């Protein structure tokens, strides 16, 4: 689980501090949310964060699997707009990404949460 707290509002940007496993004494990371685009990004990694690097090859493999499953299920082909062709290594943040998803869910329902807890 991850605990997050809103620290600053600036135009269409929200800044949150997040604490992996709710442990504040180790320090937190910073998340920036763009309310206009409905996107989020970890801008400072928390000390207890778990980061995983996904190579371009691994991302392409996942994309190809999803594309195949869609076609087998009778759905339209996967477009580049839905899932762009990867060109660089992607970083996956176990705790930061979970907090971002929870915050974006709140925004989608009309309200930016002041604080919250997300499951990882």
Protein backbone atom coordinates (compact mmCIF):
# COMPACT_ATOMS: atom_id res chain seq x y z
CA UNK A 1 0.00 0.00 0.00
CA UNK A 2 0.96 3.61 -0.48
CA UNK A 3 -0.15 6.77 1.32
CA UNK A 4 -0.33 10.06 -0.58
CA UNK A 5 -1.00 13.67 0.44
CA UNK A 6 -1.64 16.77 -1.66
CA UNK A 7 1.09 19.35 -1.03
CA UNK A 8 0.62 22.02 -3.69
CA UNK A 9 -1.83 23.24 -6.34
CA UNK A 10 -0.43 25.30 -9.20
CA UNK A 11 -2.64 26.16 -12.21
CA UNK A 12 -3.63 22.79 -13.69
CA UNK A 13 -0.92 20.90 -11.75
CA UNK A 14 -1.24 19.07 -8.44
CA UNK A 15 1.75 17.89 -6.43
CA UNK A 16 1.57 15.01 -3.99
CA UNK A 17 4.05 13.43 -1.64
CA UNK A 18 3.79 9.67 -1.48
CA UNK A 19 5.05 7.19 1.10
CA UNK A 20 5.57 3.55 0.13
CA UNK A 21 4.03 1.24 2.75
CA UNK A 22 2.93 4.38 4.62
CA UNK A 23 6.40 4.77 6.16
CA UNK A 24 6.97 8.51 6.45
CA UNK A 25 10.22 8.39 8.45
CA UNK A 26 12.14 7.11 5.39
CA UNK A 27 11.01 10.09 3.31
CA UNK A 28 8.61 10.32 0.42
CA UNK A 29 8.58 10.82 -3.30
CA UNK A 30 6.87 13.52 -5.34
CA UNK A 31 4.12 12.99 -7.91
CA UNK A 32 2.95 15.63 -10.39
CA UNK A 33 -0.60 15.37 -11.74
CA UNK A 34 -1.74 17.33 -14.80
CA UNK A 35 -5.47 17.85 -14.25
CA UNK A 36 -6.03 19.09 -17.80
CA UNK A 37 -4.47 16.05 -19.51
CA UNK A 38 -5.45 13.64 -16.70
CA UNK A 39 -1.90 12.27 -16.48
CA UNK A 40 0.60 11.75 -13.69
CA UNK A 41 4.32 11.29 -13.30
CA UNK A 42 6.74 10.43 -10.53
CA UNK A 43 9.17 13.35 -10.45
CA UNK A 44 11.11 12.38 -7.31
CA UNK A 45 11.43 8.71 -6.42
CA UNK A 46 10.71 7.75 -2.80
CA UNK A 47 13.58 6.01 -0.97
CA UNK A 48 11.51 2.82 -0.44
CA UNK A 49 10.16 2.77 -4.02
CA UNK A 50 10.45 -0.38 -6.11
CA UNK A 51 11.45 0.55 -9.67
CA UNK A 52 11.35 -1.85 -12.60
CA UNK A 53 12.84 -1.13 -16.02
CA UNK A 54 10.90 -2.38 -19.03
CA UNK A 55 13.03 -2.66 -22.14
CA UNK A 56 11.68 -1.68 -25.55
CA UNK A 57 11.70 -5.40 -26.43
CA UNK A 58 9.59 -6.29 -23.35
CA UNK A 59 7.15 -3.46 -24.08
CA UNK A 60 6.80 -4.62 -27.69
CA UNK A 61 6.18 -8.18 -26.51
CA UNK A 62 3.36 -6.98 -24.22
CA UNK A 63 1.93 -4.81 -27.00
CA UNK A 64 2.00 -7.74 -29.45
CA UNK A 65 0.23 -10.03 -26.95
CA UNK A 66 -2.54 -7.48 -26.41
CA UNK A 67 -2.87 -6.93 -30.17
CA UNK A 68 -3.17 -10.69 -30.77
CA UNK A 69 -5.74 -11.14 -28.01
CA UNK A 70 -7.82 -8.30 -29.43
CA UNK A 71 -7.78 -9.77 -32.92
CA UNK A 72 -8.60 -13.28 -31.63
CA UNK A 73 -11.52 -11.78 -29.70
CA UNK A 74 -12.91 -10.17 -32.84
CA UNK A 75 -11.99 -6.63 -31.82
CA UNK A 76 -10.45 -4.00 -34.12
CA UNK A 77 -6.66 -4.02 -34.44
CA UNK A 78 -4.64 -2.16 -31.82
CA UNK A 79 -3.75 1.30 -33.09
CA UNK A 80 -0.62 3.33 -32.44
CA UNK A 81 -2.82 5.99 -30.85
CA UNK A 82 -4.08 3.48 -28.26
CA UNK A 83 -0.64 2.05 -27.55
CA UNK A 84 2.27 3.82 -29.25
CA UNK A 85 5.23 1.82 -30.49
CA UNK A 86 7.81 2.03 -27.67
CA UNK A 87 11.12 3.69 -28.44
CA UNK A 88 12.80 3.86 -25.02
CA UNK A 89 13.08 2.05 -21.71
CA UNK A 90 10.07 2.62 -19.49
CA UNK A 91 10.30 2.88 -15.72
CA UNK A 92 7.54 1.30 -13.67
CA UNK A 93 7.09 2.53 -10.08
CA UNK A 94 5.25 0.06 -7.85
CA UNK A 95 4.06 2.61 -5.29
CA UNK A 96 4.12 5.86 -7.25
CA UNK A 97 2.09 4.40 -10.13
CA UNK A 98 -0.50 2.98 -7.70
CA UNK A 99 -0.91 6.41 -6.09
CA UNK A 100 -1.21 8.09 -9.51
CA UNK A 101 -3.97 5.70 -10.57
CA UNK A 102 -5.92 6.32 -7.35
CA UNK A 103 -5.55 10.11 -7.71
CA UNK A 104 -6.66 10.00 -11.36
CA UNK A 105 -9.70 7.91 -10.36
CA UNK A 106 -10.65 10.68 -7.94
CA UNK A 107 -10.19 13.33 -10.62
CA UNK A 108 -12.35 11.33 -13.03
CA UNK A 109 -15.17 11.38 -10.48
CA UNK A 110 -14.82 15.15 -10.18
CA UNK A 111 -12.63 15.71 -7.13
CA UNK A 112 -8.89 15.71 -6.51
CA UNK A 113 -8.26 13.82 -3.26
CA UNK A 114 -6.44 15.75 -0.53
CA UNK A 115 -5.00 12.47 0.75
CA UNK A 116 -5.55 8.78 0.35
CA UNK A 117 -4.30 5.22 0.38
CA UNK A 118 -3.85 2.98 -2.65
CA UNK A 119 -3.27 -0.76 -2.85
CA UNK A 120 -0.28 -1.97 -4.81
